[in-house]
Amino acid sequence: MFFFWFFWLVLAIVVGILASSRGRSGFGYFLLALVMSPLVGFAILLALNNKAEDDRQEQLRREDHERHLESIKALTSTTSGSEADNSSANAHKSVSISDELEKLATLRDKGILSDEEFQQQKSKILNHTASSPST
């Protein structure tokens, strides 16, 4: 009988350690496994997603989002030092603006930019082109 309770306690400890490694409360799962059953605690733990991995993925998504925002800000803040007066330069500039707007739309469609962020960046691009001297 002693062996059974010892085995029960060891399995409850294992469930607690496993829960802790998955970003859950190790002590809470230890108590759950101790009171109910190590198998029940283990089954519940496996049914839930890995919180530590989810947190890591969310952090990576935020960092990626920030990098995209920085690149968009860099796109909108670049100013050309001197603009050529010929029509090919103006045509290139309008193509560049449309390319930038397409990139913004793609980022919005992928969910990297919210609609509000898209509108802000779009207005910056359009205001920048309206304020630059034209020939």
N, C-alpha and C. Protein backbone atom coordinates (compact mmCIF):
# COMPACT_ATOMS: atom_id res chain seq x y z
N MET A 1 0.82 -1.19 0.00
CA MET A 1 0.00 0.00 0.00
C MET A 1 0.87 1.26 0.00
N PHE A 2 1.98 1.20 0.71
CA PHE A 2 2.89 2.34 0.76
C PHE A 2 3.43 2.64 -0.65
N PHE A 3 3.75 1.59 -1.40
CA PHE A 3 4.28 1.77 -2.75
C PHE A 3 3.27 2.50 -3.64
N PHE A 4 2.00 2.19 -3.53
CA PHE A 4 0.96 2.83 -4.32
C PHE A 4 0.93 4.33 -4.05
N TRP A 5 0.92 4.74 -2.79
CA TRP A 5 0.86 6.17 -2.45
C TRP A 5 2.15 6.89 -2.83
N PHE A 6 3.25 6.21 -2.69
CA PHE A 6 4.53 6.79 -3.09
C PHE A 6 4.53 7.02 -4.61
N PHE A 7 4.07 6.04 -5.37
CA PHE A 7 3.99 6.15 -6.82
C PHE A 7 3.03 7.28 -7.22
N TRP A 8 1.90 7.38 -6.51
CA TRP A 8 0.91 8.44 -6.73
C TRP A 8 1.56 9.82 -6.53
N LEU A 9 2.31 9.96 -5.43
CA LEU A 9 2.97 11.22 -5.11
C LEU A 9 4.02 11.57 -6.16
N VAL A 10 4.81 10.60 -6.59
CA VAL A 10 5.84 10.84 -7.61
C VAL A 10 5.20 11.28 -8.92
N LEU A 11 4.13 10.62 -9.32
CA LEU A 11 3.44 11.02 -10.56
C LEU A 11 2.83 12.41 -10.44
N ALA A 12 2.31 12.75 -9.27
CA ALA A 12 1.76 14.10 -9.07
C ALA A 12 2.87 15.15 -9.19
N ILE A 13 4.05 14.83 -8.66
CA ILE A 13 5.19 15.74 -8.78
C ILE A 13 5.60 15.90 -10.25
N VAL A 14 5.60 14.79 -10.98
CA VAL A 14 5.95 14.84 -12.41
C VAL A 14 4.95 15.71 -13.17
N VAL A 15 3.67 15.57 -12.86
CA VAL A 15 2.65 16.40 -13.51
C VAL A 15 2.89 17.87 -13.18
N GLY A 16 3.24 18.18 -11.94
CA GLY A 16 3.53 19.56 -11.55
C GLY A 16 4.73 20.13 -12.30
N ILE A 17 5.78 19.33 -12.44
CA ILE A 17 6.97 19.77 -13.16
C ILE A 17 6.65 19.99 -14.64
N LEU A 18 5.91 19.07 -15.22
CA LEU A 18 5.52 19.20 -16.61
C LEU A 18 4.65 20.44 -16.83
N ALA A 19 3.72 20.68 -15.92
CA ALA A 19 2.87 21.87 -16.03
C ALA A 19 3.70 23.14 -15.96
N SER A 20 4.66 23.16 -15.07
CA SER A 20 5.52 24.32 -14.93
C SER A 20 6.32 24.57 -16.20
N SER A 21 6.79 23.50 -16.84
CA SER A 21 7.56 23.66 -18.08
C SER A 21 6.69 24.12 -19.23
N ARG A 22 5.39 23.94 -19.13
CA ARG A 22 4.46 24.38 -20.19
C ARG A 22 3.82 25.73 -19.87
N GLY A 23 4.38 26.45 -18.88
CA GLY A 23 3.89 27.78 -18.56
C GLY A 23 2.67 27.80 -17.67
N ARG A 24 2.35 26.70 -17.05
CA ARG A 24 1.19 26.63 -16.16
C ARG A 24 1.67 26.59 -14.70
N SER A 25 0.75 26.66 -13.78
CA SER A 25 1.08 26.62 -12.36
C SER A 25 1.48 25.20 -11.96
N GLY A 26 2.76 25.03 -11.68
CA GLY A 26 3.25 23.71 -11.29
C GLY A 26 2.63 23.22 -10.00
N PHE A 27 2.55 24.11 -9.02
CA PHE A 27 1.99 23.72 -7.72
C PHE A 27 0.50 23.41 -7.85
N GLY A 28 -0.20 24.20 -8.65
CA GLY A 28 -1.63 23.97 -8.84
C GLY A 28 -1.90 22.62 -9.49
N TYR A 29 -1.14 22.29 -10.51
CA TYR A 29 -1.32 20.99 -11.16
C TYR A 29 -0.85 19.84 -10.28
N PHE A 30 0.17 20.10 -9.46
CA PHE A 30 0.59 19.09 -8.50
C PHE A 30 -0.56 18.76 -7.55
N LEU A 31 -1.20 19.82 -7.02
CA LEU A 31 -2.33 19.59 -6.11
C LEU A 31 -3.49 18.90 -6.81
N LEU A 32 -3.77 19.31 -8.03
CA LEU A 32 -4.84 18.67 -8.80
C LEU A 32 -4.55 17.18 -8.99
N ALA A 33 -3.33 16.88 -9.37
CA ALA A 33 -2.95 15.48 -9.59
C ALA A 33 -2.94 14.70 -8.28
N LEU A 34 -2.55 15.36 -7.21
CA LEU A 34 -2.49 14.69 -5.91
C LEU A 34 -3.89 14.37 -5.40
N VAL A 35 -4.81 15.30 -5.54
CA VAL A 35 -6.16 15.12 -5.02
C VAL A 35 -7.01 14.24 -5.94
N MET A 36 -7.00 14.55 -7.22
CA MET A 36 -7.87 13.80 -8.15
C MET A 36 -7.20 12.52 -8.63
N SER A 37 -6.16 12.72 -9.43
CA SER A 37 -5.42 11.59 -9.97
C SER A 37 -4.31 12.14 -10.85
N PRO A 38 -3.14 11.56 -10.81
CA PRO A 38 -2.09 12.03 -11.71
C PRO A 38 -2.50 11.90 -13.18
N LEU A 39 -3.28 10.87 -13.49
CA LEU A 39 -3.72 10.71 -14.88
C LEU A 39 -4.68 11.81 -15.29
N VAL A 40 -5.57 12.22 -14.41
CA VAL A 40 -6.51 13.30 -14.71
C VAL A 40 -5.74 14.61 -14.88
N GLY A 41 -4.81 14.88 -13.98
CA GLY A 41 -4.00 16.09 -14.08
C GLY A 41 -3.20 16.11 -15.36
N PHE A 42 -2.62 14.98 -15.72
CA PHE A 42 -1.84 14.88 -16.95
C PHE A 42 -2.73 15.05 -18.18
N ALA A 43 -3.93 14.46 -18.16
CA ALA A 43 -4.85 14.59 -19.28
C ALA A 43 -5.30 16.04 -19.47
N ILE A 44 -5.60 16.71 -18.38
CA ILE A 44 -6.01 18.12 -18.46
C ILE A 44 -4.86 18.96 -19.00
N LEU A 45 -3.67 18.68 -18.52
CA LEU A 45 -2.50 19.42 -18.97
C LEU A 45 -2.26 19.23 -20.47
N LEU A 46 -2.43 18.02 -20.95
CA LEU A 46 -2.23 17.76 -22.37
C LEU A 46 -3.34 18.36 -23.22
N ALA A 47 -4.53 18.47 -22.66
CA ALA A 47 -5.66 19.04 -23.42
C ALA A 47 -5.48 20.54 -23.63
N LEU A 48 -4.79 21.20 -22.71
CA LEU A 48 -4.56 22.64 -22.85
C LEU A 48 -3.33 22.88 -23.71
N ASN A 49 -3.32 24.01 -24.41
CA ASN A 49 -2.17 24.32 -25.23
C ASN A 49 -0.99 24.77 -24.37
N ASN A 50 0.18 24.73 -24.95
CA ASN A 50 1.41 25.09 -24.26
C ASN A 50 1.46 26.61 -24.12
N LYS A 51 1.22 27.11 -22.93
CA LYS A 51 1.15 28.54 -22.69
C LYS A 51 2.50 29.20 -22.92
N ALA A 52 3.58 28.56 -22.54
CA ALA A 52 4.91 29.13 -22.74
C ALA A 52 5.20 29.30 -24.23
N GLU A 53 4.82 28.32 -25.02
CA GLU A 53 5.03 28.41 -26.47
C GLU A 53 4.14 29.48 -27.08
N ASP A 54 2.91 29.58 -26.61
CA ASP A 54 1.99 30.62 -27.11
C ASP A 54 2.53 32.01 -26.80
N ASP A 55 3.06 32.19 -25.58
CA ASP A 55 3.63 33.49 -25.21
C ASP A 55 4.83 33.82 -26.08
N ARG A 56 5.66 32.83 -26.38
CA ARG A 56 6.83 33.05 -27.22
C ARG A 56 6.40 33.42 -28.64
N GLN A 57 5.38 32.74 -29.17
CA GLN A 57 4.89 33.05 -30.50
C GLN A 57 4.29 34.46 -30.56
N GLU A 58 3.58 34.85 -29.52
CA GLU A 58 2.99 36.18 -29.45
C GLU A 58 4.08 37.25 -29.42
N GLN A 59 5.14 37.00 -28.66
CA GLN A 59 6.26 37.94 -28.60
C GLN A 59 6.93 38.07 -29.97
N LEU A 60 7.12 36.96 -30.66
CA LEU A 60 7.72 37.00 -32.00
C LEU A 60 6.82 37.76 -32.97
N ARG A 61 5.51 37.57 -32.85
CA ARG A 61 4.57 38.28 -33.71
C ARG A 61 4.63 39.79 -33.45
N ARG A 62 4.72 40.17 -32.18
CA ARG A 62 4.82 41.60 -31.85
C ARG A 62 6.10 42.20 -32.39
N GLU A 63 7.22 41.48 -32.24
CA GLU A 63 8.50 41.98 -32.76
C GLU A 63 8.45 42.12 -34.27
N ASP A 64 7.84 41.16 -34.94
CA ASP A 64 7.70 41.22 -36.39
C ASP A 64 6.83 42.41 -36.79
N HIS A 65 5.76 42.62 -36.05
CA HIS A 65 4.86 43.75 -36.30
C HIS A 65 5.62 45.07 -36.15
N GLU A 66 6.43 45.17 -35.10
CA GLU A 66 7.22 46.38 -34.87
C GLU A 66 8.21 46.62 -36.00
N ARG A 67 8.85 45.54 -36.49
CA ARG A 67 9.79 45.68 -37.60
C ARG A 67 9.08 46.19 -38.85
N HIS A 68 7.88 45.66 -39.10
CA HIS A 68 7.12 46.12 -40.26
C HIS A 68 6.72 47.58 -40.12
N LEU A 69 6.32 47.97 -38.92
CA LEU A 69 5.96 49.37 -38.70
C LEU A 69 7.16 50.28 -38.91
N GLU A 70 8.33 49.86 -38.43
CA GLU A 70 9.53 50.66 -38.61
C GLU A 70 9.88 50.79 -40.08
N SER A 71 9.72 49.72 -40.84
CA SER A 71 10.03 49.80 -42.27
C SER A 71 9.03 50.70 -42.99
N ILE A 72 7.78 50.67 -42.54
CA ILE A 72 6.78 51.55 -43.15
C ILE A 72 7.09 53.00 -42.81
N LYS A 73 7.48 53.25 -41.56
CA LYS A 73 7.85 54.61 -41.17
C LYS A 73 9.05 55.08 -41.97
N ALA A 74 9.99 54.18 -42.22
CA ALA A 74 11.16 54.55 -43.02
C ALA A 74 10.74 54.87 -44.44
N LEU A 75 9.78 54.11 -44.98
CA LEU A 75 9.30 54.39 -46.33
C LEU A 75 8.63 55.76 -46.42
N THR A 76 7.84 56.08 -45.42
CA THR A 76 7.10 57.34 -45.47
C THR A 76 7.96 58.53 -45.14
N SER A 77 9.05 58.32 -44.41
CA SER A 77 9.87 59.45 -44.01
C SER A 77 11.01 59.75 -44.97
N THR A 78 11.24 58.88 -45.93
CA THR A 78 12.32 59.14 -46.89
C THR A 78 11.91 60.29 -47.80
N THR A 79 12.81 61.20 -47.92
CA THR A 79 12.57 62.32 -48.82
C THR A 79 13.72 62.38 -49.81
N SER A 80 13.40 62.70 -51.01
CA SER A 80 14.44 62.81 -52.02
C SER A 80 15.06 64.19 -51.91
N GLY A 81 16.38 64.28 -51.94
CA GLY A 81 17.09 65.54 -51.77
C GLY A 81 16.80 66.51 -52.89
N SER A 82 16.91 66.07 -54.10
CA SER A 82 16.59 66.95 -55.24
C SER A 82 15.83 66.13 -56.26
N GLU A 83 14.76 66.70 -56.77
CA GLU A 83 13.94 65.99 -57.74
C GLU A 83 14.22 66.51 -59.13
N ALA A 84 14.29 65.60 -60.06
CA ALA A 84 14.52 65.99 -61.46
C ALA A 84 13.26 66.63 -62.00
N ASP A 85 13.43 67.51 -62.98
CA ASP A 85 12.29 68.23 -63.54
C ASP A 85 11.67 67.54 -64.73
N ASN A 86 12.17 66.40 -65.13
CA ASN A 86 11.59 65.77 -66.30
C ASN A 86 10.43 64.86 -65.94
N SER A 87 9.64 64.51 -66.91
CA SER A 87 8.42 63.74 -66.68
C SER A 87 8.71 62.30 -66.27
N SER A 88 9.87 61.75 -66.69
CA SER A 88 10.19 60.38 -66.30
C SER A 88 10.41 60.29 -64.79
N ALA A 89 10.98 61.32 -64.19
CA ALA A 89 11.16 61.33 -62.74
C ALA A 89 9.81 61.40 -62.05
N ASN A 90 8.90 62.20 -62.57
CA ASN A 90 7.56 62.29 -61.98
C ASN A 90 6.80 60.98 -62.15
N ALA A 91 6.97 60.33 -63.30
CA ALA A 91 6.31 59.04 -63.52
C ALA A 91 6.87 58.00 -62.57
N HIS A 92 8.19 58.01 -62.38
CA HIS A 92 8.82 57.07 -61.44
C HIS A 92 8.32 57.32 -60.02
N LYS A 93 8.17 58.60 -59.67
CA LYS A 93 7.69 58.95 -58.34
C LYS A 93 6.27 58.45 -58.13
N SER A 94 5.39 58.60 -59.12
CA SER A 94 4.01 58.14 -58.96
C SER A 94 3.96 56.62 -58.89
N VAL A 95 4.84 55.95 -59.64
CA VAL A 95 4.90 54.49 -59.55
C VAL A 95 5.37 54.09 -58.16
N SER A 96 6.36 54.85 -57.65
CA SER A 96 6.88 54.55 -56.31
C SER A 96 5.78 54.73 -55.26
N ILE A 97 4.99 55.75 -55.40
CA ILE A 97 3.90 55.99 -54.45
C ILE A 97 2.88 54.87 -54.53
N SER A 98 2.53 54.49 -55.76
CA SER A 98 1.56 53.41 -55.88
C SER A 98 2.14 52.10 -55.35
N ASP A 99 3.44 51.88 -55.54
CA ASP A 99 4.08 50.68 -54.98
C ASP A 99 4.00 50.70 -53.45
N GLU A 100 4.28 51.87 -52.88
CA GLU A 100 4.22 51.97 -51.42
C GLU A 100 2.80 51.73 -50.91
N LEU A 101 1.81 52.27 -51.62
CA LEU A 101 0.42 52.05 -51.21
C LEU A 101 0.04 50.58 -51.35
N GLU A 102 0.54 49.92 -52.40
CA GLU A 102 0.27 48.49 -52.56
C GLU A 102 0.91 47.69 -51.43
N LYS A 103 2.12 48.07 -51.05
CA LYS A 103 2.79 47.38 -49.94
C LYS A 103 2.00 47.54 -48.65
N LEU A 104 1.52 48.76 -48.42
CA LEU A 104 0.70 49.00 -47.23
C LEU A 104 -0.57 48.15 -47.26
N ALA A 105 -1.21 48.09 -48.42
CA ALA A 105 -2.45 47.31 -48.53
C ALA A 105 -2.16 45.82 -48.29
N THR A 106 -1.03 45.36 -48.80
CA THR A 106 -0.66 43.96 -48.58
C THR A 106 -0.44 43.68 -47.10
N LEU A 107 0.24 44.60 -46.41
CA LEU A 107 0.48 44.42 -44.97
C LEU A 107 -0.84 44.44 -44.21
N ARG A 108 -1.77 45.29 -44.63
CA ARG A 108 -3.08 45.32 -43.98
C ARG A 108 -3.84 44.02 -44.22
N ASP A 109 -3.80 43.53 -45.46
CA ASP A 109 -4.51 42.30 -45.80
C ASP A 109 -3.95 41.09 -45.06
N LYS A 110 -2.64 41.11 -44.80
CA LYS A 110 -2.01 40.02 -44.06
C LYS A 110 -2.28 40.11 -42.56
N GLY A 111 -2.82 41.24 -42.12
CA GLY A 111 -3.12 41.42 -40.70
C GLY A 111 -1.97 42.01 -39.93
N ILE A 112 -0.92 42.42 -40.61
CA ILE A 112 0.23 43.01 -39.94
C ILE A 112 -0.11 44.43 -39.50
N LEU A 113 -0.85 45.13 -40.33
CA LEU A 113 -1.31 46.48 -39.99
C LEU A 113 -2.81 46.46 -39.72
N SER A 114 -3.21 47.24 -38.74
CA SER A 114 -4.64 47.41 -38.53
C SER A 114 -5.16 48.43 -39.54
N ASP A 115 -6.48 48.54 -39.67
CA ASP A 115 -7.05 49.51 -40.59
C ASP A 115 -6.65 50.93 -40.21
N GLU A 116 -6.59 51.19 -38.91
CA GLU A 116 -6.22 52.52 -38.45
C GLU A 116 -4.77 52.84 -38.82
N GLU A 117 -3.87 51.88 -38.59
CA GLU A 117 -2.47 52.08 -38.94
C GLU A 117 -2.32 52.25 -40.45
N PHE A 118 -3.08 51.49 -41.22
CA PHE A 118 -3.04 51.60 -42.67
C PHE A 118 -3.44 53.01 -43.11
N GLN A 119 -4.54 53.52 -42.55
CA GLN A 119 -5.00 54.85 -42.92
C GLN A 119 -3.98 55.92 -42.55
N GLN A 120 -3.35 55.78 -41.37
CA GLN A 120 -2.34 56.76 -40.95
C GLN A 120 -1.16 56.77 -41.91
N GLN A 121 -0.65 55.59 -42.24
CA GLN A 121 0.50 55.51 -43.12
C GLN A 121 0.14 55.96 -44.54
N LYS A 122 -1.06 55.63 -44.98
CA LYS A 122 -1.51 56.05 -46.31
C LYS A 122 -1.59 57.57 -46.39
N SER A 123 -2.14 58.19 -45.35
CA SER A 123 -2.24 59.65 -45.36
C SER A 123 -0.86 60.29 -45.30
N LYS A 124 0.09 59.68 -44.60
CA LYS A 124 1.45 60.22 -44.58
C LYS A 124 2.07 60.19 -45.97
N ILE A 125 1.88 59.09 -46.67
CA ILE A 125 2.43 58.97 -48.02
C ILE A 125 1.78 60.01 -48.94
N LEU A 126 0.47 60.10 -48.88
CA LEU A 126 -0.23 61.04 -49.76
C LEU A 126 0.07 62.49 -49.39
N ASN A 127 0.16 62.80 -48.11
CA ASN A 127 0.50 64.16 -47.69
C ASN A 127 1.93 64.51 -48.10
N HIS A 128 2.81 63.54 -48.03
CA HIS A 128 4.20 63.77 -48.42
C HIS A 128 4.29 64.12 -49.90
N THR A 129 3.51 63.42 -50.71
CA THR A 129 3.54 63.68 -52.15
C THR A 129 2.86 65.01 -52.47
N ALA A 130 1.84 65.37 -51.72
CA ALA A 130 1.15 66.63 -51.97
C ALA A 130 2.02 67.81 -51.57
N SER A 131 2.86 67.65 -50.54
CA SER A 131 3.69 68.74 -50.06
C SER A 131 5.00 68.86 -50.83
N SER A 132 5.40 67.81 -51.58
CA SER A 132 6.65 67.93 -52.33
C SER A 132 6.43 68.77 -53.57
N PRO A 133 7.47 69.49 -53.97
CA PRO A 133 7.32 70.40 -55.12
C PRO A 133 7.13 69.61 -56.41
N SER A 134 6.24 70.09 -57.22
CA SER A 134 5.98 69.45 -58.51
C SER A 134 6.35 70.41 -59.62
N THR A 135 6.60 69.86 -60.78
CA THR A 135 7.02 70.71 -61.89
C THR A 135 5.87 71.04 -62.80
